[in-house]
Amino acid sequence: MLLAATGSGIFQLSTGSATATVAAFDKDYVSAVCTIDGKLLAAVRDQGIYESLDGGDSWELLLADVNARTIDAAPDGATYIGADPAAIYCRRSGVESFVEVSAIRALPTFATWSFPNTPHQGNIHHFAFSASHPEAIYVAVEVGGVLVSTDGGSSWIESREGIHLDVHSIGCAPGETDVLYTATGQGFFRSEDVGHTWDAACDGLESLYLVPLAVHPERSEIVFTAATHARPRYWRGRDGGARTTLYRSENGGDSWQPVMGGLPESLLGAVDALTIDPHEPDTIYAGTSDGQVLVSAALGDGWRVLAQGLPPILDFAFTD
């Protein structure tokens, strides 16, 4: 079962049909949803972080007054929350409560992280974890670059050399040394030295404003993203909308190809949510700002509309 966090509740979708029903938080803005060890976690704007132990039938408020952008689980079972304004909260495996990861506040540029819109405060937008190095954590900061921890979050360094600082999503390709991928407001960037330096890898991208990123769990050289023509403040209300194109790279970002089979030449809405089914890793889902859920069962070679007419899609999670 697929869950979609939207601007007006969480919807439950059958992956085989176009049926979508409200699962929780009807009319509330849900920025993130995540499944961790059989539990559901949801981030509800202006309320906080909720947890369900019974598949979404009932919810308990765990962390109040936190506006989260992202929720994710580390390989060691820890749960991480990325918030707006910029803050990270962590709940270790076997522990009931979240604790703020205060070490990031001591980073040299923390006070300069910002966001174009009022109140101009940066936020923690996305996490990635290493499959090869259990204590490595990588964080996308909007707008502030990338944060790297190699000791499970006890200490952090800033990774900004050569990267556009408006980082929306981050992914990790496992290997002897982690290769990092980022989708930013100025294109795709890759680091082959664990974030010490970055290089742009945008060949084939006709537009460079990228938000989502998905890395194939078994073939990490296969990466997906989506590009809009201009930033949201320019395309909202514009004839033609976001003019979004979905892209795939089969070589870790060295080159990109549009994958729009079965879709219009471009999409009206932006793609803000992009995820690969962990049980069927050739199946990918895209969620748009105008309420469409798209699915491809062939790594982007051919799409169909799974659902439409929903509120803006912000995040996905899978349940059994």
C-alpha atoms as a PDB file:
ATOM      1  CA  MET A   1       0.000   0.000   0.000  1.00  0.00           C
ATOM      2  CA  LEU A   2       1.206   3.489  -0.849  1.00  0.00           C
ATOM      3  CA  LEU A   3       0.663   6.478   1.449  1.00  0.00           C
ATOM      4  CA  ALA A   4       0.806  10.007   0.083  1.00  0.00           C
ATOM      5  CA  ALA A   5       1.366  12.964   2.396  1.00  0.00           C
ATOM      6  CA  THR A   6      -0.415  15.958   0.918  1.00  0.00           C
ATOM      7  CA  GLY A   7      -1.346  19.545   1.573  1.00  0.00           C
ATOM      8  CA  SER A   8      -4.657  18.260   2.965  1.00  0.00           C
ATOM      9  CA  GLY A   9      -4.180  14.958   4.775  1.00  0.00           C
ATOM     10  CA  ILE A  10      -2.632  11.548   4.159  1.00  0.00           C
ATOM     11  CA  PHE A  11      -4.155   9.459   1.372  1.00  0.00           C
ATOM     12  CA  GLN A  12      -3.966   5.702   1.022  1.00  0.00           C
ATOM     13  CA  LEU A  13      -3.600   4.323  -2.492  1.00  0.00           C
ATOM     14  CA  SER A  14      -3.706   0.831  -3.848  1.00  0.00           C
ATOM     15  CA  THR A  15      -0.667   0.417  -6.080  1.00  0.00           C
ATOM     16  CA  GLY A  16      -2.752  -1.492  -8.612  1.00  0.00           C
ATOM     17  CA  SER A  17      -5.679   0.907  -9.051  1.00  0.00           C
ATOM     18  CA  ALA A  18      -6.649   4.558  -9.038  1.00  0.00           C
ATOM     19  CA  THR A  19      -8.459   4.342  -5.686  1.00  0.00           C
ATOM     20  CA  ALA A  20      -7.355   6.996  -3.183  1.00  0.00           C
ATOM     21  CA  THR A  21      -8.960   7.420   0.239  1.00  0.00           C
ATOM     22  CA  VAL A  22      -8.184   9.747   3.120  1.00  0.00           C
ATOM     23  CA  ALA A  23      -6.211   7.787   5.708  1.00  0.00           C
ATOM     24  CA  ALA A  24      -5.486  10.433   8.345  1.00  0.00           C
ATOM     25  CA  PHE A  25      -5.294  14.155   9.170  1.00  0.00           C
ATOM     26  CA  ASP A  26      -8.095  15.216   6.854  1.00  0.00           C
ATOM     27  CA  LYS A  27      -7.553  18.871   5.793  1.00  0.00           C
ATOM     28  CA  ASP A  28      -4.210  19.156   7.652  1.00  0.00           C
ATOM     29  CA  TYR A  29      -1.003  19.985   5.804  1.00  0.00           C
ATOM     30  CA  VAL A  30       1.161  16.861   6.108  1.00  0.00           C
ATOM     31  CA  SER A  31       4.674  17.569   4.869  1.00  0.00           C
ATOM     32  CA  ALA A  32       6.174  14.108   5.465  1.00  0.00           C
ATOM     33  CA  VAL A  33       5.194  10.525   6.210  1.00  0.00           C
ATOM     34  CA  CYS A  34       7.462   7.585   6.983  1.00  0.00           C
ATOM     35  CA  THR A  35       7.241   3.910   7.954  1.00  0.00           C
ATOM     36  CA  ILE A  36       9.797   2.816  10.545  1.00  0.00           C
ATOM     37  CA  ASP A  37       9.801  -0.657  12.128  1.00  0.00           C
ATOM     38  CA  GLY A  38       6.084  -1.083  11.487  1.00  0.00           C
ATOM     39  CA  LYS A  39       5.249   2.335  12.936  1.00  0.00           C
ATOM     40  CA  LEU A  40       3.928   5.301  10.972  1.00  0.00           C
ATOM     41  CA  LEU A  41       5.245   8.812  11.567  1.00  0.00           C
ATOM     42  CA  ALA A  42       3.713  11.959  10.120  1.00  0.00           C
ATOM     43  CA  ALA A  43       4.752  15.603  10.196  1.00  0.00           C
ATOM     44  CA  VAL A  44       1.747  17.937  10.456  1.00  0.00           C
ATOM     45  CA  ARG A  45       2.382  21.637   9.933  1.00  0.00           C
ATOM     46  CA  ASP A  46       1.748  23.874  12.955  1.00  0.00           C
ATOM     47  CA  GLN A  47       1.250  20.790  15.145  1.00  0.00           C
ATOM     48  CA  GLY A  48       4.289  18.511  15.207  1.00  0.00           C
ATOM     49  CA  ILE A  49       5.259  14.870  14.770  1.00  0.00           C
ATOM     50  CA  TYR A  50       2.677  12.124  15.255  1.00  0.00           C
ATOM     51  CA  GLU A  51       3.166   8.365  15.541  1.00  0.00           C
ATOM     52  CA  SER A  52       0.760   5.500  14.888  1.00  0.00           C
ATOM     53  CA  LEU A  53       1.325   1.976  16.184  1.00  0.00           C
ATOM     54  CA  ASP A  54      -1.788   0.508  14.548  1.00  0.00           C
ATOM     55  CA  GLY A  55      -1.388   1.313  10.873  1.00  0.00           C
ATOM     56  CA  GLY A  56      -2.894   4.779  11.086  1.00  0.00           C
ATOM     57  CA  ASP A  57      -6.099   4.069  12.998  1.00  0.00           C
ATOM     58  CA  SER A  58      -4.936   6.199  15.939  1.00  0.00           C
ATOM     59  CA  TRP A  59      -2.140   8.726  16.396  1.00  0.00           C
ATOM     60  CA  GLU A  60      -0.127  10.111  19.304  1.00  0.00           C
ATOM     61  CA  LEU A  61       1.653  13.466  19.292  1.00  0.00           C
ATOM     62  CA  LEU A  62       5.336  12.825  19.969  1.00  0.00           C
ATOM     63  CA  LEU A  63       7.010  16.157  19.284  1.00  0.00           C
ATOM     64  CA  ALA A  64       4.940  19.322  19.527  1.00  0.00           C
ATOM     65  CA  ASP A  65       5.450  22.665  17.790  1.00  0.00           C
ATOM     66  CA  VAL A  66       7.982  21.368  15.260  1.00  0.00           C
ATOM     67  CA  ASN A  67       7.421  22.077  11.579  1.00  0.00           C
ATOM     68  CA  ALA A  68       9.190  19.158   9.966  1.00  0.00           C
ATOM     69  CA  ARG A  69      10.201  18.945   6.315  1.00  0.00           C
ATOM     70  CA  THR A  70      11.412  15.353   6.363  1.00  0.00           C
ATOM     71  CA  ILE A  71      11.400  12.143   8.406  1.00  0.00           C
ATOM     72  CA  ASP A  72      13.765   9.250   7.818  1.00  0.00           C
ATOM     73  CA  ALA A  73      15.294   6.194   9.475  1.00  0.00           C
ATOM     74  CA  ALA A  74      18.993   5.417   9.771  1.00  0.00           C
ATOM     75  CA  PRO A  75      20.311   1.859   9.320  1.00  0.00           C
ATOM     76  CA  ASP A  76      20.870   1.617  13.083  1.00  0.00           C
ATOM     77  CA  GLY A  77      17.162   2.182  13.732  1.00  0.00           C
ATOM     78  CA  ALA A  78      17.403   5.828  14.772  1.00  0.00           C
ATOM     79  CA  THR A  79      14.695   8.193  13.530  1.00  0.00           C
ATOM     80  CA  TYR A  80      15.682  11.639  12.236  1.00  0.00           C
ATOM     81  CA  ILE A  81      13.470  14.703  11.839  1.00  0.00           C
ATOM     82  CA  GLY A  82      14.512  17.677   9.707  1.00  0.00           C
ATOM     83  CA  ALA A  83      12.708  20.872  10.627  1.00  0.00           C
ATOM     84  CA  ASP A  84      11.980  24.439   9.530  1.00  0.00           C
ATOM     85  CA  PRO A  85      13.607  26.622  10.815  1.00  0.00           C
ATOM     86  CA  ALA A  86      16.734  24.508  10.564  1.00  0.00           C
ATOM     87  CA  ALA A  87      16.919  21.894  13.320  1.00  0.00           C
ATOM     88  CA  ILE A  88      17.503  18.158  13.520  1.00  0.00           C
ATOM     89  CA  TYR A  89      15.836  15.879  16.062  1.00  0.00           C
ATOM     90  CA  CYS A  90      16.815  12.272  16.684  1.00  0.00           C
ATOM     91  CA  ARG A  91      15.206   9.348  18.498  1.00  0.00           C
ATOM     92  CA  ARG A  92      17.574   6.448  19.064  1.00  0.00           C
ATOM     93  CA  SER A  93      16.368   2.886  18.692  1.00  0.00           C
ATOM     94  CA  GLY A  94      14.676   1.733  21.892  1.00  0.00           C
ATOM     95  CA  VAL A  95      14.251   5.303  23.195  1.00  0.00           C
ATOM     96  CA  GLU A  96      10.822   6.926  23.487  1.00  0.00           C
ATOM     97  CA  SER A  97      11.602  10.629  23.055  1.00  0.00           C
ATOM     98  CA  PHE A  98      13.293  12.833  20.464  1.00  0.00           C
ATOM     99  CA  VAL A  99      16.327  14.962  21.315  1.00  0.00           C
ATOM    100  CA  GLU A 100      17.531  17.933  19.310  1.00  0.00           C
ATOM    101  CA  VAL A 101      20.896  17.442  17.612  1.00  0.00           C
ATOM    102  CA  SER A 102      22.238  20.729  18.922  1.00  0.00           C
ATOM    103  CA  ALA A 103      25.737  20.283  17.466  1.00  0.00           C
ATOM    104  CA  ILE A 104      24.636  21.708  14.102  1.00  0.00           C
ATOM    105  CA  ARG A 105      23.972  25.088  15.745  1.00  0.00           C
ATOM    106  CA  ALA A 106      27.717  25.483  16.353  1.00  0.00           C
ATOM    107  CA  LEU A 107      28.613  25.137  12.672  1.00  0.00           C
ATOM    108  CA  PRO A 108      30.362  28.217  11.252  1.00  0.00           C
ATOM    109  CA  THR A 109      27.663  29.191   8.744  1.00  0.00           C
ATOM    110  CA  PHE A 110      24.581  28.128  10.720  1.00  0.00           C
ATOM    111  CA  ALA A 111      23.453  31.720  11.284  1.00  0.00           C
ATOM    112  CA  THR A 112      23.608  32.437   7.536  1.00  0.00           C
ATOM    113  CA  TRP A 113      21.322  29.607   6.378  1.00  0.00           C
ATOM    114  CA  SER A 114      18.304  31.256   4.796  1.00  0.00           C
ATOM    115  CA  PHE A 115      15.262  30.801   2.589  1.00  0.00           C
ATOM    116  CA  PRO A 116      14.069  33.236  -0.104  1.00  0.00           C
ATOM    117  CA  ASN A 117      10.581  33.644   1.383  1.00  0.00           C
ATOM    118  CA  THR A 118       9.662  35.284   4.672  1.00  0.00           C
ATOM    119  CA  PRO A 119      10.836  34.694   7.399  1.00  0.00           C
ATOM    120  CA  HIS A 120      14.008  33.824   5.438  1.00  0.00           C
ATOM    121  CA  GLN A 121      15.086  30.949   7.669  1.00  0.00           C
ATOM    122  CA  GLY A 122      16.891  27.906   6.309  1.00  0.00           C
ATOM    123  CA  ASN A 123      15.509  24.416   6.808  1.00  0.00           C
ATOM    124  CA  ILE A 124      16.593  20.791   6.894  1.00  0.00           C
ATOM    125  CA  HIS A 125      15.138  19.372   3.690  1.00  0.00           C
ATOM    126  CA  HIS A 126      16.343  15.772   3.301  1.00  0.00           C
ATOM    127  CA  PHE A 127      18.524  12.985   4.772  1.00  0.00           C
ATOM    128  CA  ALA A 128      20.606  10.218   3.228  1.00  0.00           C
ATOM    129  CA  PHE A 129      22.315   7.353   5.018  1.00  0.00           C
ATOM    130  CA  SER A 130      25.205   5.137   4.038  1.00  0.00           C
ATOM    131  CA  ALA A 131      24.746   1.438   3.330  1.00  0.00           C
ATOM    132  CA  SER A 132      28.477   0.856   3.786  1.00  0.00           C
ATOM    133  CA  HIS A 133      29.335   3.073   6.751  1.00  0.00           C
ATOM    134  CA  PRO A 134      26.699   2.704   9.493  1.00  0.00           C
ATOM    135  CA  GLU A 135      27.463   5.981  11.284  1.00  0.00           C
ATOM    136  CA  ALA A 136      27.512   8.223   8.197  1.00  0.00           C
ATOM    137  CA  ILE A 137      24.672  10.747   7.842  1.00  0.00           C
ATOM    138  CA  TYR A 138      24.245  13.257   5.016  1.00  0.00           C
ATOM    139  CA  VAL A 139      21.861  16.210   5.210  1.00  0.00           C
ATOM    140  CA  ALA A 140      20.480  18.615   2.586  1.00  0.00           C
ATOM    141  CA  VAL A 141      20.059  22.189   3.839  1.00  0.00           C
ATOM    142  CA  GLU A 142      17.810  24.666   2.056  1.00  0.00           C
ATOM    143  CA  VAL A 143      19.644  27.072   1.703  1.00  0.00           C
ATOM    144  CA  GLY A 144      22.996  26.136   3.248  1.00  0.00           C
ATOM    145  CA  GLY A 145      24.699  23.234   1.467  1.00  0.00           C
ATOM    146  CA  VAL A 146      25.275  19.736   2.826  1.00  0.00           C
ATOM    147  CA  LEU A 147      26.079  18.525   6.349  1.00  0.00           C
ATOM    148  CA  VAL A 148      28.139  15.393   6.949  1.00  0.00           C
ATOM    149  CA  SER A 149      28.486  13.317  10.112  1.00  0.00           C
ATOM    150  CA  THR A 150      30.672  10.222  10.297  1.00  0.00           C
ATOM    151  CA  ASP A 151      29.926   9.404  13.937  1.00  0.00           C
ATOM    152  CA  GLY A 152      26.174   8.980  14.052  1.00  0.00           C
ATOM    153  CA  GLY A 153      25.398  12.668  14.511  1.00  0.00           C
ATOM    154  CA  SER A 154      27.714  13.454  17.422  1.00  0.00           C
ATOM    155  CA  SER A 155      29.747  15.863  15.295  1.00  0.00           C
ATOM    156  CA  TRP A 156      29.228  17.540  11.926  1.00  0.00           C
ATOM    157  CA  ILE A 157      31.138  19.261   9.162  1.00  0.00           C
ATOM    158  CA  GLU A 158      29.819  21.525   6.411  1.00  0.00           C
ATOM    159  CA  SER A 159      30.167  20.437   2.799  1.00  0.00           C
ATOM    160  CA  ARG A 160      29.955  23.461   0.499  1.00  0.00           C
ATOM    161  CA  GLU A 161      32.956  23.383  -1.841  1.00  0.00           C
ATOM    162  CA  GLY A 162      31.722  23.551  -5.438  1.00  0.00           C
ATOM    163  CA  ILE A 163      28.021  22.923  -4.760  1.00  0.00           C
ATOM    164  CA  HIS A 164      25.038  25.211  -5.217  1.00  0.00           C
ATOM    165  CA  LEU A 165      23.860  25.862  -1.659  1.00  0.00           C
ATOM    166  CA  ASP A 166      20.118  25.527  -2.347  1.00  0.00           C
ATOM    167  CA  VAL A 167      20.076  21.764  -1.711  1.00  0.00           C
ATOM    168  CA  HIS A 168      16.677  20.069  -1.887  1.00  0.00           C
ATOM    169  CA  SER A 169      17.471  16.344  -1.890  1.00  0.00           C
ATOM    170  CA  ILE A 170      20.456  14.105  -1.268  1.00  0.00           C
ATOM    171  CA  GLY A 171      21.197  10.478  -2.101  1.00  0.00           C
ATOM    172  CA  CYS A 172      24.033   8.073  -1.383  1.00  0.00           C
ATOM    173  CA  ALA A 173      25.504   5.468  -3.725  1.00  0.00           C
ATOM    174  CA  PRO A 174      27.117   2.762  -1.624  1.00  0.00           C
ATOM    175  CA  GLY A 175      30.653   1.620  -2.178  1.00  0.00           C
ATOM    176  CA  GLU A 176      34.039   1.594  -0.502  1.00  0.00           C
ATOM    177  CA  THR A 177      33.647   5.362  -0.394  1.00  0.00           C
ATOM    178  CA  ASP A 178      30.146   6.798  -0.509  1.00  0.00           C
ATOM    179  CA  VAL A 179      29.294   8.761  -3.644  1.00  0.00           C
ATOM    180  CA  LEU A 180      26.835  11.551  -2.878  1.00  0.00           C
ATOM    181  CA  TYR A 181      24.174  12.915  -5.235  1.00  0.00           C
ATOM    182  CA  THR A 182      22.226  16.147  -4.752  1.00  0.00           C
ATOM    183  CA  ALA A 183      19.315  17.873  -6.486  1.00  0.00           C
ATOM    184  CA  THR A 184      19.621  21.640  -6.087  1.00  0.00           C
ATOM    185  CA  GLY A 185      18.144  24.885  -7.310  1.00  0.00           C
ATOM    186  CA  GLN A 186      20.912  25.052  -9.883  1.00  0.00           C
ATOM    187  CA  GLY A 187      21.235  21.474 -11.122  1.00  0.00           C
ATOM    188  CA  PHE A 188      22.569  18.063 -10.103  1.00  0.00           C
ATOM    189  CA  PHE A 189      25.843  17.802  -8.177  1.00  0.00           C
ATOM    190  CA  ARG A 190      27.939  14.759  -7.306  1.00  0.00           C
ATOM    191  CA  SER A 191      30.716  14.202  -4.790  1.00  0.00           C
ATOM    192  CA  GLU A 192      33.081  11.248  -5.050  1.00  0.00           C
ATOM    193  CA  ASP A 193      35.030  12.142  -1.904  1.00  0.00           C
ATOM    194  CA  VAL A 194      32.249  12.085   0.700  1.00  0.00           C
ATOM    195  CA  GLY A 195      31.370  15.736   0.308  1.00  0.00           C
ATOM    196  CA  HIS A 196      34.822  17.311   0.451  1.00  0.00           C
ATOM    197  CA  THR A 197      34.313  18.615  -3.099  1.00  0.00           C
ATOM    198  CA  TRP A 198      31.410  18.677  -5.547  1.00  0.00           C
ATOM    199  CA  ASP A 199      31.052  18.786  -9.320  1.00  0.00           C
ATOM    200  CA  ALA A 200      28.028  19.709 -11.419  1.00  0.00           C
ATOM    201  CA  ALA A 201      26.682  16.805 -13.499  1.00  0.00           C
ATOM    202  CA  CYS A 202      23.917  18.290 -15.637  1.00  0.00           C
ATOM    203  CA  ASP A 203      24.516  17.045 -19.191  1.00  0.00           C
ATOM    204  CA  GLY A 204      21.105  16.525 -20.786  1.00  0.00           C
ATOM    205  CA  LEU A 205      19.093  18.571 -18.288  1.00  0.00           C
ATOM    206  CA  GLU A 206      17.253  21.297 -20.168  1.00  0.00           C
ATOM    207  CA  SER A 207      16.322  23.079 -16.939  1.00  0.00           C
ATOM    208  CA  LEU A 208      18.248  23.144 -13.689  1.00  0.00           C
ATOM    209  CA  TYR A 209      15.702  23.737 -10.921  1.00  0.00           C
ATOM    210  CA  LEU A 210      15.532  20.290  -9.290  1.00  0.00           C
ATOM    211  CA  VAL A 211      13.710  19.198  -6.128  1.00  0.00           C
ATOM    212  CA  PRO A 212      13.278  15.403  -5.929  1.00  0.00           C
ATOM    213  CA  LEU A 213      15.887  12.683  -6.180  1.00  0.00           C
ATOM    214  CA  ALA A 214      15.571   8.891  -6.137  1.00  0.00           C
ATOM    215  CA  VAL A 215      18.428   6.390  -6.293  1.00  0.00           C
ATOM    216  CA  HIS A 216      17.819   2.807  -7.361  1.00  0.00           C
ATOM    217  CA  PRO A 217      18.373   0.611  -4.264  1.00  0.00           C
ATOM    218  CA  GLU A 218      20.178  -2.145  -6.170  1.00  0.00           C
ATOM    219  CA  ARG A 219      21.789  -0.278  -9.081  1.00  0.00           C
ATOM    220  CA  SER A 220      22.964   2.974  -7.558  1.00  0.00           C
ATOM    221  CA  GLU A 221      24.223   4.371 -10.861  1.00  0.00           C
ATOM    222  CA  ILE A 222      20.530   4.752 -11.836  1.00  0.00           C
ATOM    223  CA  VAL A 223      19.205   8.060 -10.518  1.00  0.00           C
ATOM    224  CA  PHE A 224      15.950   9.945 -11.121  1.00  0.00           C
ATOM    225  CA  THR A 225      15.071  13.614 -10.732  1.00  0.00           C
ATOM    226  CA  ALA A 226      12.595  16.154 -12.103  1.00  0.00           C
ATOM    227  CA  ALA A 227      13.195  19.682 -13.361  1.00  0.00           C
ATOM    228  CA  THR A 228      10.802  22.618 -13.541  1.00  0.00           C
ATOM    229  CA  HIS A 229      11.288  25.569 -15.859  1.00  0.00           C
ATOM    230  CA  ALA A 230      12.172  28.210 -13.238  1.00  0.00           C
ATOM    231  CA  ARG A 231      11.648  28.468  -9.515  1.00  0.00           C
ATOM    232  CA  PRO A 232       8.142  28.151  -8.039  1.00  0.00           C
ATOM    233  CA  ARG A 233       7.647  31.875  -7.556  1.00  0.00           C
ATOM    234  CA  TYR A 234       8.042  32.320 -11.327  1.00  0.00           C
ATOM    235  CA  TRP A 235       5.916  29.429 -12.625  1.00  0.00           C
ATOM    236  CA  ARG A 236       3.009  29.597 -10.170  1.00  0.00           C
ATOM    237  CA  GLY A 237       0.132  31.228 -12.018  1.00  0.00           C
ATOM    238  CA  ARG A 238       2.003  31.112 -15.325  1.00  0.00           C
ATOM    239  CA  ASP A 239       0.350  29.687 -18.422  1.00  0.00           C
ATOM    240  CA  GLY A 240       1.828  26.242 -18.857  1.00  0.00           C
ATOM    241  CA  GLY A 241       2.546  25.881 -15.145  1.00  0.00           C
ATOM    242  CA  ALA A 242       5.823  24.368 -13.961  1.00  0.00           C
ATOM    243  CA  ARG A 243       6.573  22.627 -17.308  1.00  0.00           C
ATOM    244  CA  THR A 244       8.141  19.732 -15.433  1.00  0.00           C
ATOM    245  CA  THR A 245      10.246  17.012 -17.055  1.00  0.00           C
ATOM    246  CA  LEU A 246      11.176  13.722 -15.388  1.00  0.00           C
ATOM    247  CA  TYR A 247      14.758  12.574 -15.983  1.00  0.00           C
ATOM    248  CA  ARG A 248      16.796   9.409 -15.534  1.00  0.00           C
ATOM    249  CA  SER A 249      20.546   8.914 -15.468  1.00  0.00           C
ATOM    250  CA  GLU A 250      22.043   5.456 -15.892  1.00  0.00           C
ATOM    251  CA  ASN A 251      25.594   6.524 -15.087  1.00  0.00           C
ATOM    252  CA  GLY A 252      25.403   8.370 -11.802  1.00  0.00           C
ATOM    253  CA  GLY A 253      24.614  11.724 -13.372  1.00  0.00           C
ATOM    254  CA  ASP A 254      27.199  11.798 -16.163  1.00  0.00           C
ATOM    255  CA  SER A 255      24.295  12.170 -18.589  1.00  0.00           C
ATOM    256  CA  TRP A 256      20.521  12.546 -18.331  1.00  0.00           C
ATOM    257  CA  GLN A 257      17.606  11.551 -20.550  1.00  0.00           C
ATOM    258  CA  PRO A 258      13.972  12.675 -20.316  1.00  0.00           C
ATOM    259  CA  VAL A 259      11.596   9.836 -19.392  1.00  0.00           C
ATOM    260  CA  MET A 260       8.122  11.072 -20.258  1.00  0.00           C
ATOM    261  CA  GLY A 261       6.622   8.086 -22.071  1.00  0.00           C
ATOM    262  CA  GLY A 262       2.848   8.008 -21.656  1.00  0.00           C
ATOM    263  CA  LEU A 263       2.794  11.588 -20.335  1.00  0.00           C
ATOM    264  CA  PRO A 264       2.461  14.997 -21.972  1.00  0.00           C
ATOM    265  CA  GLU A 265       5.661  16.614 -23.222  1.00  0.00           C
ATOM    266  CA  SER A 266       5.812  18.378 -19.854  1.00  0.00           C
ATOM    267  CA  LEU A 267       3.703  18.407 -16.681  1.00  0.00           C
ATOM    268  CA  LEU A 268       1.717  21.383 -15.394  1.00  0.00           C
ATOM    269  CA  GLY A 269       2.596  20.620 -11.778  1.00  0.00           C
ATOM    270  CA  ALA A 270       5.997  20.296 -10.179  1.00  0.00           C
ATOM    271  CA  VAL A 271       7.153  16.858  -9.042  1.00  0.00           C
ATOM    272  CA  ASP A 272       7.943  17.283  -5.343  1.00  0.00           C
ATOM    273  CA  ALA A 273       7.803  13.595  -4.336  1.00  0.00           C
ATOM    274  CA  LEU A 274       9.693  10.807  -6.072  1.00  0.00           C
ATOM    275  CA  THR A 275      10.213   7.336  -4.627  1.00  0.00           C
ATOM    276  CA  ILE A 276      11.134   3.813  -5.689  1.00  0.00           C
ATOM    277  CA  ASP A 277       9.151   0.858  -4.389  1.00  0.00           C
ATOM    278  CA  PRO A 278      11.491  -1.053  -2.029  1.00  0.00           C
ATOM    279  CA  HIS A 279       9.738  -4.333  -2.861  1.00  0.00           C
ATOM    280  CA  GLU A 280       9.681  -3.759  -6.630  1.00  0.00           C
ATOM    281  CA  PRO A 281      12.765  -1.647  -7.339  1.00  0.00           C
ATOM    282  CA  ASP A 282      11.959  -1.110 -11.016  1.00  0.00           C
ATOM    283  CA  THR A 283       8.727   0.646 -10.011  1.00  0.00           C
ATOM    284  CA  ILE A 284       8.883   4.388  -9.369  1.00  0.00           C
ATOM    285  CA  TYR A 285       6.215   6.822  -8.175  1.00  0.00           C
ATOM    286  CA  ALA A 286       6.030  10.576  -8.758  1.00  0.00           C
ATOM    287  CA  GLY A 287       3.712  12.997  -6.973  1.00  0.00           C
ATOM    288  CA  THR A 288       2.873  16.419  -8.352  1.00  0.00           C
ATOM    289  CA  SER A 289       1.888  19.775  -6.940  1.00  0.00           C
ATOM    290  CA  ASP A 290      -1.415  19.593  -8.828  1.00  0.00           C
ATOM    291  CA  GLY A 291      -2.419  16.317  -7.190  1.00  0.00           C
ATOM    292  CA  GLN A 292      -1.385  13.574  -9.579  1.00  0.00           C
ATOM    293  CA  VAL A 293       0.298  10.315  -8.593  1.00  0.00           C
ATOM    294  CA  LEU A 294       2.206   8.815 -11.526  1.00  0.00           C
ATOM    295  CA  VAL A 295       3.701   5.335 -11.662  1.00  0.00           C
ATOM    296  CA  SER A 296       6.170   3.586 -13.948  1.00  0.00           C
ATOM    297  CA  ALA A 297       6.855  -0.141 -13.627  1.00  0.00           C
ATOM    298  CA  ALA A 298       9.828  -0.005 -15.999  1.00  0.00           C
ATOM    299  CA  LEU A 299      12.298   2.472 -14.488  1.00  0.00           C
ATOM    300  CA  GLY A 300      10.589   5.421 -16.122  1.00  0.00           C
ATOM    301  CA  ASP A 301      10.067   3.805 -19.526  1.00  0.00           C
ATOM    302  CA  GLY A 302       6.337   4.451 -19.682  1.00  0.00           C
ATOM    303  CA  TRP A 303       4.113   6.082 -17.074  1.00  0.00           C
ATOM    304  CA  ARG A 304       0.449   5.955 -16.146  1.00  0.00           C
ATOM    305  CA  VAL A 305      -1.694   8.099 -13.872  1.00  0.00           C
ATOM    306  CA  LEU A 306      -2.440   6.156 -10.690  1.00  0.00           C
ATOM    307  CA  ALA A 307      -4.528   8.926  -9.097  1.00  0.00           C
ATOM    308  CA  GLN A 308      -5.443  12.530  -9.777  1.00  0.00           C
ATOM    309  CA  GLY A 309      -7.465  15.336  -8.258  1.00  0.00           C
ATOM    310  CA  LEU A 310      -5.674  15.040  -4.916  1.00  0.00           C
ATOM    311  CA  PRO A 311      -4.152  17.906  -2.925  1.00  0.00           C
ATOM    312  CA  PRO A 312      -0.478  18.695  -3.640  1.00  0.00           C
ATOM    313  CA  ILE A 313       1.636  15.563  -3.114  1.00  0.00           C
ATOM    314  CA  LEU A 314       4.545  16.187  -0.743  1.00  0.00           C
ATOM    315  CA  ASP A 315       5.880  12.768   0.279  1.00  0.00           C
ATOM    316  CA  PHE A 316       5.367   9.017  -0.045  1.00  0.00           C
ATOM    317  CA  ALA A 317       5.689   6.010   2.234  1.00  0.00           C
ATOM    318  CA  PHE A 318       4.951   2.303   1.816  1.00  0.00           C
ATOM    319  CA  THR A 319       3.058   0.027   4.185  1.00  0.00           C
ATOM    320  CA  ASP A 320       2.613  -3.747   4.112  1.00  0.00           C
END
